[in-house]
Amino acid sequence: MLKKTICYRGPNAIVKNGNHTVKQFREVMKKNKNNIVLDHKSCANWRKEQKCRSCKIYNKLKLLPRKLTKKEESLYTKCYKCKNTSLKPCTVKHYMDFVGAKQMKCPESSV
């Protein structure tokens, strides 16, 4: 069960201080569905990428600045296929993880 307060200060935040109820956060999710970076398909892909073995291996390897080998290209292809098949929609909890929101009251900002 989600706590009542969600700290989110990203794009389309409804409350200025960042403290949203679950209902308000769902509204933020709906507003962000037209944002290419924060839309639900990106969230679903990200979620699937966290589970795919080939994606985990590829993500570790791609940190190295060099040309990809045949094996790495194969991993990339497998990762791409894995993370784009049978996508499940993101729940509020998954979307919170995706955008970096926290289940707590936002700390007071000194702005």
PDB file of N, CA and C in Angstrom:
ATOM      1  N   MET A   1       0.843  -1.190   0.000  1.00  0.00           N
ATOM      2  CA  MET A   1       0.000   0.000   0.000  1.00  0.00           C
ATOM      3  C   MET A   1       0.880   1.241   0.000  1.00  0.00           C
ATOM      4  N   LEU A   2       0.554   2.185  -0.848  1.00  0.00           N
ATOM      5  CA  LEU A   2       1.326   3.414  -0.947  1.00  0.00           C
ATOM      6  C   LEU A   2       1.012   4.363   0.203  1.00  0.00           C
ATOM      7  N   LYS A   3       2.041   5.061   0.654  1.00  0.00           N
ATOM      8  CA  LYS A   3       1.808   6.112   1.641  1.00  0.00           C
ATOM      9  C   LYS A   3       1.013   7.219   0.972  1.00  0.00           C
ATOM     10  N   LYS A   4       0.401   8.057   1.778  1.00  0.00           N
ATOM     11  CA  LYS A   4      -0.467   9.087   1.224  1.00  0.00           C
ATOM     12  C   LYS A   4       0.288  10.212   0.541  1.00  0.00           C
ATOM     13  N   THR A   5       1.534  10.454   0.930  1.00  0.00           N
ATOM     14  CA  THR A   5       2.285  11.575   0.370  1.00  0.00           C
ATOM     15  C   THR A   5       3.413  11.071  -0.521  1.00  0.00           C
ATOM     16  N   ILE A   6       3.482  11.654  -1.716  1.00  0.00           N
ATOM     17  CA  ILE A   6       4.534  11.316  -2.683  1.00  0.00           C
ATOM     18  C   ILE A   6       5.298  12.587  -3.004  1.00  0.00           C
ATOM     19  N   CYS A   7       6.618  12.532  -2.870  1.00  0.00           N
ATOM     20  CA  CYS A   7       7.475  13.682  -3.166  1.00  0.00           C
ATOM     21  C   CYS A   7       7.879  13.620  -4.633  1.00  0.00           C
ATOM     22  N   TYR A   8       7.402  14.594  -5.422  1.00  0.00           N
ATOM     23  CA  TYR A   8       7.731  14.664  -6.849  1.00  0.00           C
ATOM     24  C   TYR A   8       7.804  16.130  -7.249  1.00  0.00           C
ATOM     25  N   ARG A   9       8.955  16.539  -7.766  1.00  0.00           N
ATOM     26  CA  ARG A   9       9.145  17.928  -8.196  1.00  0.00           C
ATOM     27  C   ARG A   9       9.529  18.029  -9.671  1.00  0.00           C
ATOM     28  N   GLY A  10       9.230  17.008 -10.436  1.00  0.00           N
ATOM     29  CA  GLY A  10       9.602  16.963 -11.846  1.00  0.00           C
ATOM     30  C   GLY A  10       8.622  17.684 -12.750  1.00  0.00           C
ATOM     31  N   PRO A  11       8.690  17.397 -14.060  1.00  0.00           N
ATOM     32  CA  PRO A  11       7.802  18.038 -15.033  1.00  0.00           C
ATOM     33  C   PRO A  11       6.331  17.784 -14.711  1.00  0.00           C
ATOM     34  N   ASN A  12       5.512  18.788 -14.919  1.00  0.00           N
ATOM     35  CA  ASN A  12       4.060  18.744 -14.694  1.00  0.00           C
ATOM     36  C   ASN A  12       3.667  18.523 -13.238  1.00  0.00           C
ATOM     37  N   ALA A  13       4.548  18.808 -12.296  1.00  0.00           N
ATOM     38  CA  ALA A  13       4.194  18.690 -10.884  1.00  0.00           C
ATOM     39  C   ALA A  13       3.035  19.633 -10.593  1.00  0.00           C
ATOM     40  N   ILE A  14       2.032  19.133  -9.885  1.00  0.00           N
ATOM     41  CA  ILE A  14       0.828  19.917  -9.603  1.00  0.00           C
ATOM     42  C   ILE A  14       1.049  20.819  -8.398  1.00  0.00           C
ATOM     43  N   VAL A  15       1.628  20.267  -7.343  1.00  0.00           N
ATOM     44  CA  VAL A  15       1.833  21.007  -6.102  1.00  0.00           C
ATOM     45  C   VAL A  15       3.225  21.634  -6.115  1.00  0.00           C
ATOM     46  N   LYS A  16       3.306  22.909  -5.789  1.00  0.00           N
ATOM     47  CA  LYS A  16       4.564  23.646  -5.883  1.00  0.00           C
ATOM     48  C   LYS A  16       5.651  23.100  -4.943  1.00  0.00           C
ATOM     49  N   ASN A  17       5.259  22.717  -3.706  1.00  0.00           N
ATOM     50  CA  ASN A  17       6.255  22.215  -2.753  1.00  0.00           C
ATOM     51  C   ASN A  17       6.636  20.757  -3.005  1.00  0.00           C
ATOM     52  N   GLY A  18       5.955  20.072  -3.947  1.00  0.00           N
ATOM     53  CA  GLY A  18       6.323  18.712  -4.326  1.00  0.00           C
ATOM     54  C   GLY A  18       5.553  17.608  -3.633  1.00  0.00           C
ATOM     55  N   ASN A  19       4.782  17.932  -2.589  1.00  0.00           N
ATOM     56  CA  ASN A  19       4.028  16.919  -1.839  1.00  0.00           C
ATOM     57  C   ASN A  19       2.696  16.637  -2.544  1.00  0.00           C
ATOM     58  N   HIS A  20       2.580  15.457  -3.164  1.00  0.00           N
ATOM     59  CA  HIS A  20       1.378  15.081  -3.900  1.00  0.00           C
ATOM     60  C   HIS A  20       0.667  13.926  -3.210  1.00  0.00           C
ATOM     61  N   THR A  21      -0.651  13.891  -3.339  1.00  0.00           N
ATOM     62  CA  THR A  21      -1.393  12.707  -2.922  1.00  0.00           C
ATOM     63  C   THR A  21      -1.279  11.701  -4.065  1.00  0.00           C
ATOM     64  N   VAL A  22      -1.716  10.465  -3.832  1.00  0.00           N
ATOM     65  CA  VAL A  22      -1.663   9.447  -4.878  1.00  0.00           C
ATOM     66  C   VAL A  22      -2.527   9.883  -6.057  1.00  0.00           C
ATOM     67  N   LYS A  23      -3.685  10.459  -5.769  1.00  0.00           N
ATOM     68  CA  LYS A  23      -4.591  10.915  -6.829  1.00  0.00           C
ATOM     69  C   LYS A  23      -3.926  12.013  -7.669  1.00  0.00           C
ATOM     70  N   GLN A  24      -3.259  12.965  -7.013  1.00  0.00           N
ATOM     71  CA  GLN A  24      -2.570  14.037  -7.734  1.00  0.00           C
ATOM     72  C   GLN A  24      -1.426  13.468  -8.570  1.00  0.00           C
ATOM     73  N   PHE A  25      -0.720  12.468  -8.041  1.00  0.00           N
ATOM     74  CA  PHE A  25       0.393  11.870  -8.778  1.00  0.00           C
ATOM     75  C   PHE A  25      -0.108  11.144 -10.023  1.00  0.00           C
ATOM     76  N   ARG A  26      -1.294  10.523  -9.928  1.00  0.00           N
ATOM     77  CA  ARG A  26      -1.888   9.886 -11.110  1.00  0.00           C
ATOM     78  C   ARG A  26      -2.179  10.925 -12.187  1.00  0.00           C
ATOM     79  N   GLU A  27      -2.621  12.115 -11.775  1.00  0.00           N
ATOM     80  CA  GLU A  27      -2.853  13.195 -12.728  1.00  0.00           C
ATOM     81  C   GLU A  27      -1.547  13.601 -13.410  1.00  0.00           C
ATOM     82  N   VAL A  28      -0.457  13.640 -12.639  1.00  0.00           N
ATOM     83  CA  VAL A  28       0.863  13.950 -13.210  1.00  0.00           C
ATOM     84  C   VAL A  28       1.232  12.892 -14.244  1.00  0.00           C
ATOM     85  N   MET A  29       0.967  11.605 -13.928  1.00  0.00           N
ATOM     86  CA  MET A  29       1.249  10.519 -14.863  1.00  0.00           C
ATOM     87  C   MET A  29       0.489  10.734 -16.174  1.00  0.00           C
ATOM     88  N   LYS A  30      -0.780  11.130 -16.067  1.00  0.00           N
ATOM     89  CA  LYS A  30      -1.591  11.368 -17.268  1.00  0.00           C
ATOM     90  C   LYS A  30      -1.049  12.541 -18.076  1.00  0.00           C
ATOM     91  N   LYS A  31      -0.606  13.606 -17.391  1.00  0.00           N
ATOM     92  CA  LYS A  31      -0.053  14.762 -18.091  1.00  0.00           C
ATOM     93  C   LYS A  31       1.256  14.413 -18.785  1.00  0.00           C
ATOM     94  N   ASN A  32       2.049  13.545 -18.176  1.00  0.00           N
ATOM     95  CA  ASN A  32       3.359  13.186 -18.725  1.00  0.00           C
ATOM     96  C   ASN A  32       3.264  12.173 -19.863  1.00  0.00           C
ATOM     97  N   LYS A  33       2.067  11.657 -20.159  1.00  0.00           N
ATOM     98  CA  LYS A  33       1.982  10.631 -21.210  1.00  0.00           C
ATOM     99  C   LYS A  33       2.299  11.193 -22.589  1.00  0.00           C
ATOM    100  N   ASN A  34       2.236  12.511 -22.769  1.00  0.00           N
ATOM    101  CA  ASN A  34       2.609  13.119 -24.047  1.00  0.00           C
ATOM    102  C   ASN A  34       4.085  13.514 -24.090  1.00  0.00           C
ATOM    103  N   ASN A  35       4.774  13.413 -22.954  1.00  0.00           N
ATOM    104  CA  ASN A  35       6.198  13.718 -22.868  1.00  0.00           C
ATOM    105  C   ASN A  35       6.966  12.492 -23.354  1.00  0.00           C
ATOM    106  N   ILE A  36       7.790  12.645 -24.361  1.00  0.00           N
ATOM    107  CA  ILE A  36       8.494  11.517 -24.981  1.00  0.00           C
ATOM    108  C   ILE A  36       9.370  10.768 -23.981  1.00  0.00           C
ATOM    109  N   VAL A  37       9.994  11.478 -23.056  1.00  0.00           N
ATOM    110  CA  VAL A  37      10.905  10.844 -22.104  1.00  0.00           C
ATOM    111  C   VAL A  37      10.154  10.174 -20.956  1.00  0.00           C
ATOM    112  N   LEU A  38       9.041  10.762 -20.510  1.00  0.00           N
ATOM    113  CA  LEU A  38       8.347  10.268 -19.321  1.00  0.00           C
ATOM    114  C   LEU A  38       7.029   9.565 -19.615  1.00  0.00           C
ATOM    115  N   ASP A  39       6.783   9.173 -20.857  1.00  0.00           N
ATOM    116  CA  ASP A  39       5.505   8.550 -21.179  1.00  0.00           C
ATOM    117  C   ASP A  39       5.449   7.106 -20.660  1.00  0.00           C
ATOM    118  N   HIS A  40       4.265   6.507 -20.735  1.00  0.00           N
ATOM    119  CA  HIS A  40       4.064   5.169 -20.186  1.00  0.00           C
ATOM    120  C   HIS A  40       4.817   4.094 -20.949  1.00  0.00           C
ATOM    121  N   LYS A  41       4.999   4.266 -22.258  1.00  0.00           N
ATOM    122  CA  LYS A  41       5.759   3.265 -23.028  1.00  0.00           C
ATOM    123  C   LYS A  41       7.216   3.257 -22.586  1.00  0.00           C
ATOM    124  N   SER A  42       7.780   4.447 -22.337  1.00  0.00           N
ATOM    125  CA  SER A  42       9.158   4.514 -21.846  1.00  0.00           C
ATOM    126  C   SER A  42       9.272   3.850 -20.485  1.00  0.00           C
ATOM    127  N   CYS A  43       8.272   4.059 -19.647  1.00  0.00           N
ATOM    128  CA  CYS A  43       8.260   3.435 -18.319  1.00  0.00           C
ATOM    129  C   CYS A  43       8.186   1.917 -18.449  1.00  0.00           C
ATOM    130  N   ALA A  44       7.311   1.437 -19.315  1.00  0.00           N
ATOM    131  CA  ALA A  44       7.172  -0.013 -19.515  1.00  0.00           C
ATOM    132  C   ALA A  44       8.460  -0.619 -20.079  1.00  0.00           C
ATOM    133  N   ASN A  45       9.101   0.083 -21.029  1.00  0.00           N
ATOM    134  CA  ASN A  45      10.379  -0.391 -21.578  1.00  0.00           C
ATOM    135  C   ASN A  45      11.445  -0.432 -20.502  1.00  0.00           C
ATOM    136  N   TRP A  46      11.518   0.608 -19.690  1.00  0.00           N
ATOM    137  CA  TRP A  46      12.501   0.682 -18.604  1.00  0.00           C
ATOM    138  C   TRP A  46      12.294  -0.465 -17.634  1.00  0.00           C
ATOM    139  N   ARG A  47      11.027  -0.715 -17.299  1.00  0.00           N
ATOM    140  CA  ARG A  47      10.697  -1.786 -16.359  1.00  0.00           C
ATOM    141  C   ARG A  47      11.124  -3.142 -16.910  1.00  0.00           C
ATOM    142  N   LYS A  48      10.854  -3.359 -18.191  1.00  0.00           N
ATOM    143  CA  LYS A  48      11.217  -4.629 -18.825  1.00  0.00           C
ATOM    144  C   LYS A  48      12.738  -4.756 -18.929  1.00  0.00           C
ATOM    145  N   GLU A  49      13.404  -3.629 -19.191  1.00  0.00           N
ATOM    146  CA  GLU A  49      14.870  -3.634 -19.318  1.00  0.00           C
ATOM    147  C   GLU A  49      15.536  -4.037 -18.010  1.00  0.00           C
ATOM    148  N   GLN A  50      14.899  -3.705 -16.875  1.00  0.00           N
ATOM    149  CA  GLN A  50      15.449  -4.068 -15.571  1.00  0.00           C
ATOM    150  C   GLN A  50      15.453  -5.586 -15.361  1.00  0.00           C
ATOM    151  N   LYS A  51      14.558  -6.291 -16.072  1.00  0.00           N
ATOM    152  CA  LYS A  51      14.423  -7.739 -15.888  1.00  0.00           C
ATOM    153  C   LYS A  51      15.189  -8.560 -16.917  1.00  0.00           C
ATOM    154  N   CYS A  52      15.426  -8.019 -18.102  1.00  0.00           N
ATOM    155  CA  CYS A  52      16.072  -8.774 -19.181  1.00  0.00           C
ATOM    156  C   CYS A  52      17.552  -9.001 -18.884  1.00  0.00           C
ATOM    157  N   ARG A  53      17.972 -10.249 -18.929  1.00  0.00           N
ATOM    158  CA  ARG A  53      19.373 -10.592 -18.645  1.00  0.00           C
ATOM    159  C   ARG A  53      20.310  -9.965 -19.670  1.00  0.00           C
ATOM    160  N   SER A  54      19.927 -10.035 -20.943  1.00  0.00           N
ATOM    161  CA  SER A  54      20.785  -9.491 -21.993  1.00  0.00           C
ATOM    162  C   SER A  54      20.949  -7.972 -21.834  1.00  0.00           C
ATOM    163  N   CYS A  55      19.905  -7.286 -21.364  1.00  0.00           N
ATOM    164  CA  CYS A  55      19.994  -5.831 -21.163  1.00  0.00           C
ATOM    165  C   CYS A  55      20.929  -5.490 -20.007  1.00  0.00           C
ATOM    166  N   LYS A  56      20.864  -6.285 -18.938  1.00  0.00           N
ATOM    167  CA  LYS A  56      21.743  -6.035 -17.793  1.00  0.00           C
ATOM    168  C   LYS A  56      23.208  -6.166 -18.206  1.00  0.00           C
ATOM    169  N   ILE A  57      23.520  -7.217 -18.961  1.00  0.00           N
ATOM    170  CA  ILE A  57      24.899  -7.439 -19.417  1.00  0.00           C
ATOM    171  C   ILE A  57      25.318  -6.330 -20.374  1.00  0.00           C
ATOM    172  N   TYR A  58      24.431  -5.995 -21.333  1.00  0.00           N
ATOM    173  CA  TYR A  58      24.751  -4.958 -22.323  1.00  0.00           C
ATOM    174  C   TYR A  58      24.968  -3.607 -21.649  1.00  0.00           C
ATOM    175  N   ASN A  59      24.145  -3.264 -20.672  1.00  0.00           N
ATOM    176  CA  ASN A  59      24.278  -1.970 -19.993  1.00  0.00           C
ATOM    177  C   ASN A  59      25.607  -1.848 -19.248  1.00  0.00           C
ATOM    178  N   LYS A  60      26.107  -2.955 -18.720  1.00  0.00           N
ATOM    179  CA  LYS A  60      27.433  -2.928 -18.076  1.00  0.00           C
ATOM    180  C   LYS A  60      28.538  -2.730 -19.112  1.00  0.00           C
ATOM    181  N   LEU A  61      28.394  -3.386 -20.256  1.00  0.00           N
ATOM    182  CA  LEU A  61      29.421  -3.314 -21.297  1.00  0.00           C
ATOM    183  C   LEU A  61      29.438  -1.965 -22.020  1.00  0.00           C
ATOM    184  N   LYS A  62      28.288  -1.343 -22.188  1.00  0.00           N
ATOM    185  CA  LYS A  62      28.243  -0.106 -22.977  1.00  0.00           C
ATOM    186  C   LYS A  62      28.867   1.085 -22.244  1.00  0.00           C
ATOM    187  N   LEU A  63      29.210   0.904 -20.978  1.00  0.00           N
ATOM    188  CA  LEU A  63      29.886   1.972 -20.239  1.00  0.00           C
ATOM    189  C   LEU A  63      31.322   2.158 -20.717  1.00  0.00           C
ATOM    190  N   LEU A  64      31.854   1.122 -21.337  1.00  0.00           N
ATOM    191  CA  LEU A  64      33.226   1.194 -21.826  1.00  0.00           C
ATOM    192  C   LEU A  64      33.259   1.944 -23.161  1.00  0.00           C
ATOM    193  N   PRO A  65      34.056   3.026 -23.264  1.00  0.00           N
ATOM    194  CA  PRO A  65      34.075   3.818 -24.507  1.00  0.00           C
ATOM    195  C   PRO A  65      34.927   3.158 -25.597  1.00  0.00           C
ATOM    196  N   ARG A  66      34.282   2.374 -26.447  1.00  0.00           N
ATOM    197  CA  ARG A  66      34.970   1.717 -27.547  1.00  0.00           C
ATOM    198  C   ARG A  66      33.941   1.208 -28.538  1.00  0.00           C
ATOM    199  N   LYS A  67      34.432   0.706 -29.651  1.00  0.00           N
ATOM    200  CA  LYS A  67      33.551   0.160 -30.680  1.00  0.00           C
ATOM    201  C   LYS A  67      32.962  -1.169 -30.200  1.00  0.00           C
ATOM    202  N   LEU A  68      31.697  -1.415 -30.526  1.00  0.00           N
ATOM    203  CA  LEU A  68      31.047  -2.654 -30.106  1.00  0.00           C
ATOM    204  C   LEU A  68      31.561  -3.854 -30.889  1.00  0.00           C
ATOM    205  N   THR A  69      31.733  -4.967 -30.193  1.00  0.00           N
ATOM    206  CA  THR A  69      32.124  -6.211 -30.856  1.00  0.00           C
ATOM    207  C   THR A  69      30.866  -6.907 -31.379  1.00  0.00           C
ATOM    208  N   LYS A  70      31.054  -7.977 -32.112  1.00  0.00           N
ATOM    209  CA  LYS A  70      29.911  -8.745 -32.626  1.00  0.00           C
ATOM    210  C   LYS A  70      29.052  -9.275 -31.484  1.00  0.00           C
ATOM    211  N   LYS A  71      29.705  -9.742 -30.416  1.00  0.00           N
ATOM    212  CA  LYS A  71      28.981 -10.281 -29.262  1.00  0.00           C
ATOM    213  C   LYS A  71      28.127  -9.189 -28.617  1.00  0.00           C
ATOM    214  N   GLU A  72      28.689  -7.992 -28.493  1.00  0.00           N
ATOM    215  CA  GLU A  72      27.950  -6.882 -27.887  1.00  0.00           C
ATOM    216  C   GLU A  72      26.791  -6.434 -28.777  1.00  0.00           C
ATOM    217  N   GLU A  73      26.996  -6.463 -30.081  1.00  0.00           N
ATOM    218  CA  GLU A  73      25.906  -6.130 -31.003  1.00  0.00           C
ATOM    219  C   GLU A  73      24.777  -7.159 -30.882  1.00  0.00           C
ATOM    220  N   SER A  74      25.153  -8.419 -30.701  1.00  0.00           N
ATOM    221  CA  SER A  74      24.172  -9.480 -30.519  1.00  0.00           C
ATOM    222  C   SER A  74      23.396  -9.258 -29.215  1.00  0.00           C
ATOM    223  N   LEU A  75      24.108  -8.886 -28.150  1.00  0.00           N
ATOM    224  CA  LEU A  75      23.451  -8.594 -26.872  1.00  0.00           C
ATOM    225  C   LEU A  75      22.475  -7.431 -27.017  1.00  0.00           C
ATOM    226  N   TYR A  76      22.893  -6.407 -27.753  1.00  0.00           N
ATOM    227  CA  TYR A  76      22.030  -5.250 -27.968  1.00  0.00           C
ATOM    228  C   TYR A  76      20.745  -5.668 -28.681  1.00  0.00           C
ATOM    229  N   THR A  77      20.871  -6.503 -29.706  1.00  0.00           N
ATOM    230  CA  THR A  77      19.709  -6.968 -30.460  1.00  0.00           C
ATOM    231  C   THR A  77      18.776  -7.771 -29.562  1.00  0.00           C
ATOM    232  N   LYS A  78      19.347  -8.669 -28.762  1.00  0.00           N
ATOM    233  CA  LYS A  78      18.542  -9.468 -27.837  1.00  0.00           C
ATOM    234  C   LYS A  78      17.857  -8.578 -26.805  1.00  0.00           C
ATOM    235  N   CYS A  79      18.585  -7.597 -26.307  1.00  0.00           N
ATOM    236  CA  CYS A  79      18.035  -6.657 -25.316  1.00  0.00           C
ATOM    237  C   CYS A  79      16.872  -5.876 -25.921  1.00  0.00           C
ATOM    238  N   TYR A  80      17.065  -5.366 -27.128  1.00  0.00           N
ATOM    239  CA  TYR A  80      16.033  -4.575 -27.796  1.00  0.00           C
ATOM    240  C   TYR A  80      14.760  -5.400 -27.995  1.00  0.00           C
ATOM    241  N   LYS A  81      14.928  -6.652 -28.444  1.00  0.00           N
ATOM    242  CA  LYS A  81      13.776  -7.523 -28.655  1.00  0.00           C
ATOM    243  C   LYS A  81      13.081  -7.835 -27.329  1.00  0.00           C
ATOM    244  N   CYS A  82      13.867  -8.115 -26.309  1.00  0.00           N
ATOM    245  CA  CYS A  82      13.322  -8.483 -25.004  1.00  0.00           C
ATOM    246  C   CYS A  82      12.518  -7.334 -24.386  1.00  0.00           C
ATOM    247  N   LYS A  83      13.084  -6.135 -24.400  1.00  0.00           N
ATOM    248  CA  LYS A  83      12.429  -5.028 -23.699  1.00  0.00           C
ATOM    249  C   LYS A  83      11.249  -4.436 -24.469  1.00  0.00           C
ATOM    250  N   ASN A  84      11.075  -4.804 -25.739  1.00  0.00           N
ATOM    251  CA  ASN A  84       9.967  -4.268 -26.522  1.00  0.00           C
ATOM    252  C   ASN A  84       8.857  -5.277 -26.801  1.00  0.00           C
ATOM    253  N   THR A  85       8.924  -6.456 -26.193  1.00  0.00           N
ATOM    254  CA  THR A  85       7.871  -7.445 -26.393  1.00  0.00           C
ATOM    255  C   THR A  85       7.043  -7.597 -25.127  1.00  0.00           C
ATOM    256  N   SER A  86       5.776  -7.827 -25.305  1.00  0.00           N
ATOM    257  CA  SER A  86       4.794  -8.032 -24.228  1.00  0.00           C
ATOM    258  C   SER A  86       4.985  -7.060 -23.064  1.00  0.00           C
ATOM    259  N   LEU A  87       4.850  -5.774 -23.368  1.00  0.00           N
ATOM    260  CA  LEU A  87       4.987  -4.746 -22.344  1.00  0.00           C
ATOM    261  C   LEU A  87       3.737  -4.682 -21.473  1.00  0.00           C
ATOM    262  N   LYS A  88       3.942  -4.511 -20.179  1.00  0.00           N
ATOM    263  CA  LYS A  88       2.834  -4.360 -19.244  1.00  0.00           C
ATOM    264  C   LYS A  88       2.804  -2.897 -18.793  1.00  0.00           C
ATOM    265  N   PRO A  89       1.609  -2.334 -18.620  1.00  0.00           N
ATOM    266  CA  PRO A  89       1.535  -0.938 -18.203  1.00  0.00           C
ATOM    267  C   PRO A  89       2.120  -0.742 -16.803  1.00  0.00           C
ATOM    268  N   CYS A  90       2.658   0.447 -16.572  1.00  0.00           N
ATOM    269  CA  CYS A  90       3.264   0.762 -15.282  1.00  0.00           C
ATOM    270  C   CYS A  90       2.201   1.139 -14.256  1.00  0.00           C
ATOM    271  N   THR A  91       2.397   0.667 -13.036  1.00  0.00           N
ATOM    272  CA  THR A  91       1.541   1.069 -11.927  1.00  0.00           C
ATOM    273  C   THR A  91       2.108   2.364 -11.353  1.00  0.00           C
ATOM    274  N   VAL A  92       1.421   2.922 -10.354  1.00  0.00           N
ATOM    275  CA  VAL A  92       1.915   4.137  -9.705  1.00  0.00           C
ATOM    276  C   VAL A  92       3.283   3.879  -9.097  1.00  0.00           C
ATOM    277  N   LYS A  93       3.454   2.740  -8.445  1.00  0.00           N
ATOM    278  CA  LYS A  93       4.736   2.389  -7.812  1.00  0.00           C
ATOM    279  C   LYS A  93       5.861   2.302  -8.845  1.00  0.00           C
ATOM    280  N   HIS A  94       5.591   1.628  -9.964  1.00  0.00           N
ATOM    281  CA  HIS A  94       6.615   1.520 -11.010  1.00  0.00           C
ATOM    282  C   HIS A  94       6.939   2.893 -11.586  1.00  0.00           C
ATOM    283  N   TYR A  95       5.911   3.712 -11.808  1.00  0.00           N
ATOM    284  CA  TYR A  95       6.139   5.043 -12.373  1.00  0.00           C
ATOM    285  C   TYR A  95       6.946   5.905 -11.413  1.00  0.00           C
ATOM    286  N   MET A  96       6.708   5.732 -10.105  1.00  0.00           N
ATOM    287  CA  MET A  96       7.495   6.465  -9.100  1.00  0.00           C
ATOM    288  C   MET A  96       8.971   6.107  -9.222  1.00  0.00           C
ATOM    289  N   ASP A  97       9.263   4.824  -9.358  1.00  0.00           N
ATOM    290  CA  ASP A  97      10.652   4.388  -9.513  1.00  0.00           C
ATOM    291  C   ASP A  97      11.253   4.950 -10.795  1.00  0.00           C
ATOM    292  N   PHE A  98      10.463   4.964 -11.864  1.00  0.00           N
ATOM    293  CA  PHE A  98      10.916   5.438 -13.178  1.00  0.00           C
ATOM    294  C   PHE A  98      11.294   6.920 -13.158  1.00  0.00           C
ATOM    295  N   VAL A  99      10.466   7.759 -12.517  1.00  0.00           N
ATOM    296  CA  VAL A  99      10.726   9.205 -12.521  1.00  0.00           C
ATOM    297  C   VAL A  99      11.516   9.670 -11.298  1.00  0.00           C
ATOM    298  N   GLY A 100      11.731   8.775 -10.324  1.00  0.00           N
ATOM    299  CA  GLY A 100      12.523   9.133  -9.152  1.00  0.00           C
ATOM    300  C   GLY A 100      11.729   9.776  -8.030  1.00  0.00           C
ATOM    301  N   ALA A 101      10.420   9.580  -8.006  1.00  0.00           N
ATOM    302  CA  ALA A 101       9.596  10.115  -6.918  1.00  0.00           C
ATOM    303  C   ALA A 101       9.775   9.240  -5.677  1.00  0.00           C
ATOM    304  N   LYS A 102       9.554   9.820  -4.508  1.00  0.00           N
ATOM    305  CA  LYS A 102       9.732   9.101  -3.236  1.00  0.00           C
ATOM    306  C   LYS A 102       8.429   9.078  -2.456  1.00  0.00           C
ATOM    307  N   GLN A 103       8.234   8.025  -1.667  1.00  0.00           N
ATOM    308  CA  GLN A 103       7.056   7.903  -0.803  1.00  0.00           C
ATOM    309  C   GLN A 103       7.340   8.573   0.527  1.00  0.00           C
ATOM    310  N   MET A 104       7.314   9.886   0.537  1.00  0.00           N
ATOM    311  CA  MET A 104       7.580  10.650   1.754  1.00  0.00           C
ATOM    312  C   MET A 104       7.235  12.113   1.494  1.00  0.00           C
ATOM    313  N   LYS A 105       7.240  12.900   2.555  1.00  0.00           N
ATOM    314  CA  LYS A 105       7.063  14.328   2.360  1.00  0.00           C
ATOM    315  C   LYS A 105       8.386  14.904   1.860  1.00  0.00           C
ATOM    316  N   CYS A 106       8.276  15.877   0.975  1.00  0.00           N
ATOM    317  CA  CYS A 106       9.486  16.514   0.447  1.00  0.00           C
ATOM    318  C   CYS A 106      10.150  17.351   1.531  1.00  0.00           C
ATOM    319  N   PRO A 107      11.484  17.308   1.591  1.00  0.00           N
ATOM    320  CA  PRO A 107      12.178  18.182   2.525  1.00  0.00           C
ATOM    321  C   PRO A 107      11.979  19.643   2.133  1.00  0.00           C
ATOM    322  N   GLU A 108      11.974  20.502   3.114  1.00  0.00           N
ATOM    323  CA  GLU A 108      11.822  21.933   2.841  1.00  0.00           C
ATOM    324  C   GLU A 108      12.999  22.415   2.007  1.00  0.00           C
ATOM    325  N   SER A 109      12.707  23.112   0.942  1.00  0.00           N
ATOM    326  CA  SER A 109      13.792  23.637   0.095  1.00  0.00           C
ATOM    327  C   SER A 109      14.137  25.052   0.520  1.00  0.00           C
ATOM    328  N   SER A 110      15.400  25.384   0.371  1.00  0.00           N
ATOM    329  CA  SER A 110      15.875  26.713   0.757  1.00  0.00           C
ATOM    330  C   SER A 110      16.017  27.606  -0.470  1.00  0.00           C
ATOM    331  N   VAL A 111      14.994  27.596  -1.320  1.00  0.00           N
ATOM    332  CA  VAL A 111      15.046  28.373  -2.568  1.00  0.00           C
ATOM    333  C   VAL A 111      14.514  29.759  -2.341  1.00  0.00           C
TER     334      VAL A 111
END
